[in-house]
Amino acid sequence: MTADRVRVQCAIQDDARLLIAVPVIVSHAAHHAGIPEAIASGFASEAAEACRRGLATVEKAEDPAIRLFVDRYQDRVEVVLECPGAKFSLPVSGSPEAASADRVHHENAAGRSRLTFTKFCGSPHAKPSY
C-alpha cells in the first residue's frame, strides 16, 4: 500500500465563519476515504470541538491561530491541530466527543502543542477506501 496523501492545510482563528469550515473539510476527506457519513460526521464534529477548545487556550498568544492539517491516506484520515503554547483540552474518555476517533495522540514540542485524531477506514462500520 502506498503512503500517498491528499492534504488540506489552513489556519483557523476564533471566527465563527472559519470554525464552520472545519467539519466540512474533515467530512469531505472522510467521505473520499470511504468512511460512512454518520461516522464521518461524528469525527468531523470532534475535530471542530477540539478547534474551539484549542482557540480558547491561544487567545493571548502572539499568533492566536490553530493550524489545521487534514490528511487523507488510502487507509485512514488524520486531523492534526497545532497551536502555540499550552496543551489542548482533550475530551474525557467515553464522552460523545471521544467516540469517533480510533486514535487520539497529543504531544508538546518546541513551544507548540499538537493534537492528532486518526480514523481508520477499516474500523468497525467503515467501508474500505477505493
Protein backbone atom coordinates (compact mmCIF):
# COMPACT_ATOMS: atom_id res chain seq x y z
CA MET A 1 0.00 0.00 0.00
CA THR A 2 1.28 3.42 -0.88
CA ALA A 3 1.53 6.25 1.64
CA ASP A 4 0.23 8.84 -0.86
CA ARG A 5 -1.80 11.52 0.81
CA VAL A 6 -4.07 14.39 -0.02
CA ARG A 7 -3.64 17.31 2.39
CA VAL A 8 -5.78 20.31 3.21
CA GLN A 9 -4.00 22.89 5.34
CA CYS A 10 -5.31 26.11 6.82
CA ALA A 11 -5.07 28.46 9.79
CA ILE A 12 -8.15 28.81 11.99
CA GLN A 13 -8.74 31.84 14.18
CA ASP A 14 -11.57 32.45 16.62
CA ASP A 15 -14.09 33.41 13.97
CA ALA A 16 -17.37 31.52 13.60
CA ARG A 17 -17.11 31.74 9.81
CA LEU A 18 -13.80 29.85 9.90
CA LEU A 19 -14.91 27.32 12.50
CA ILE A 20 -17.85 26.33 10.32
CA ALA A 21 -15.36 25.16 7.69
CA VAL A 22 -13.66 22.60 9.97
CA PRO A 23 -16.36 19.90 9.94
CA VAL A 24 -16.91 20.45 6.20
CA ILE A 25 -13.22 19.90 5.42
CA VAL A 26 -12.94 16.84 7.67
CA SER A 27 -16.21 15.31 6.40
CA HIS A 28 -15.07 15.79 2.80
CA ALA A 29 -11.80 13.94 3.43
CA ALA A 30 -13.57 11.17 5.35
CA HIS A 31 -16.16 10.74 2.61
CA HIS A 32 -13.46 10.35 -0.04
CA ALA A 33 -11.62 7.85 2.18
CA GLY A 34 -14.73 5.68 2.24
CA ILE A 35 -15.84 6.37 5.81
CA PRO A 36 -19.66 6.25 6.14
CA GLU A 37 -21.40 9.61 6.54
CA ALA A 38 -22.68 9.03 10.08
CA ILE A 39 -19.20 8.10 11.34
CA ALA A 40 -17.54 10.89 9.34
CA SER A 41 -19.96 13.40 10.82
CA GLY A 42 -19.03 12.44 14.39
CA PHE A 43 -15.33 12.53 13.53
CA ALA A 44 -15.74 15.98 11.95
CA SER A 45 -17.66 17.28 14.97
CA GLU A 46 -14.91 16.01 17.25
CA ALA A 47 -12.28 17.92 15.26
CA ALA A 48 -14.38 21.12 15.30
CA GLU A 49 -14.86 20.88 19.08
CA ALA A 50 -11.11 20.40 19.57
CA CYS A 51 -10.52 23.55 17.47
CA ARG A 52 -12.94 25.53 19.63
CA ARG A 53 -11.24 24.30 22.81
CA GLY A 54 -7.80 25.00 21.38
CA LEU A 55 -8.72 28.54 20.40
CA ALA A 56 -9.72 29.22 23.99
CA THR A 57 -6.14 28.43 25.08
CA VAL A 58 -4.36 30.54 22.43
CA GLU A 59 -6.33 33.80 22.70
CA LYS A 60 -3.45 35.66 24.35
CA ALA A 61 -0.65 34.12 22.28
CA GLU A 62 1.36 36.09 19.74
CA ASP A 63 -0.18 34.00 16.97
CA PRO A 64 -3.72 33.19 18.16
CA ALA A 65 -4.38 30.73 15.34
CA ILE A 66 -4.57 26.99 15.14
CA ARG A 67 -3.00 25.25 12.19
CA LEU A 68 -5.33 22.59 10.81
CA PHE A 69 -3.99 19.75 8.66
CA VAL A 70 -6.39 17.16 7.24
CA ASP A 71 -4.55 14.28 5.59
CA ARG A 72 -6.37 11.60 3.63
CA TYR A 73 -4.49 8.37 3.03
CA GLN A 74 -5.79 5.17 1.44
CA ASP A 75 -6.40 3.56 4.83
CA ARG A 76 -7.16 6.49 7.15
CA VAL A 77 -7.88 10.17 7.70
CA GLU A 78 -5.73 12.16 10.11
CA VAL A 79 -6.70 15.54 11.52
CA VAL A 80 -3.84 17.46 13.11
CA LEU A 81 -4.39 20.59 15.18
CA GLU A 82 -1.32 22.59 16.12
CA CYS A 83 -1.15 25.73 18.25
CA PRO A 84 1.39 27.70 20.26
CA GLY A 85 1.76 27.10 23.97
CA ALA A 86 -0.49 25.15 26.27
CA LYS A 87 -1.92 21.70 25.85
CA PHE A 88 -5.22 21.17 24.12
CA SER A 89 -8.14 20.39 26.38
CA LEU A 90 -8.76 16.74 25.50
CA PRO A 91 -12.25 15.25 25.56
CA VAL A 92 -12.97 12.98 28.51
CA SER A 93 -12.63 9.32 27.52
CA GLY A 94 -16.01 7.76 26.94
CA SER A 95 -17.75 11.06 26.23
CA PRO A 96 -19.66 11.51 22.95
CA GLU A 97 -16.83 13.77 21.72
CA ALA A 98 -14.26 10.99 22.16
CA ALA A 99 -16.33 8.30 20.45
CA SER A 100 -15.46 8.95 16.80
CA ALA A 101 -11.66 8.84 16.51
CA ASP A 102 -9.88 5.50 16.51
CA ARG A 103 -6.77 7.10 17.96
CA VAL A 104 -6.04 10.43 19.63
CA HIS A 105 -2.44 11.48 20.22
CA HIS A 106 -1.19 14.64 21.93
CA GLU A 107 2.35 15.99 22.09
CA ASN A 108 4.15 19.18 23.07
CA ALA A 109 7.43 20.19 21.44
CA ALA A 110 9.29 23.44 20.81
CA GLY A 111 6.59 25.53 22.48
CA ARG A 112 3.81 24.11 20.30
CA SER A 113 1.02 21.70 21.12
CA ARG A 114 -0.12 19.12 18.56
CA LEU A 115 -3.27 17.00 18.73
CA THR A 116 -3.81 14.25 16.15
CA PHE A 117 -7.12 12.45 15.56
CA THR A 118 -7.00 9.34 13.37
CA LYS A 119 -9.93 7.48 11.82
CA PHE A 120 -9.09 4.24 10.00
CA CYS A 121 -11.15 3.21 7.00
CA GLY A 122 -11.12 -0.41 8.16
CA SER A 123 -12.55 0.37 11.60
CA PRO A 124 -15.97 -1.01 12.52
CA HIS A 125 -18.81 0.32 10.35
CA ALA A 126 -16.39 1.87 7.83
CA LYS A 127 -16.27 0.65 4.25
CA PRO A 128 -12.90 0.17 2.50
CA SER A 129 -11.41 3.03 0.52
CA TYR A 130 -11.20 2.65 -3.26
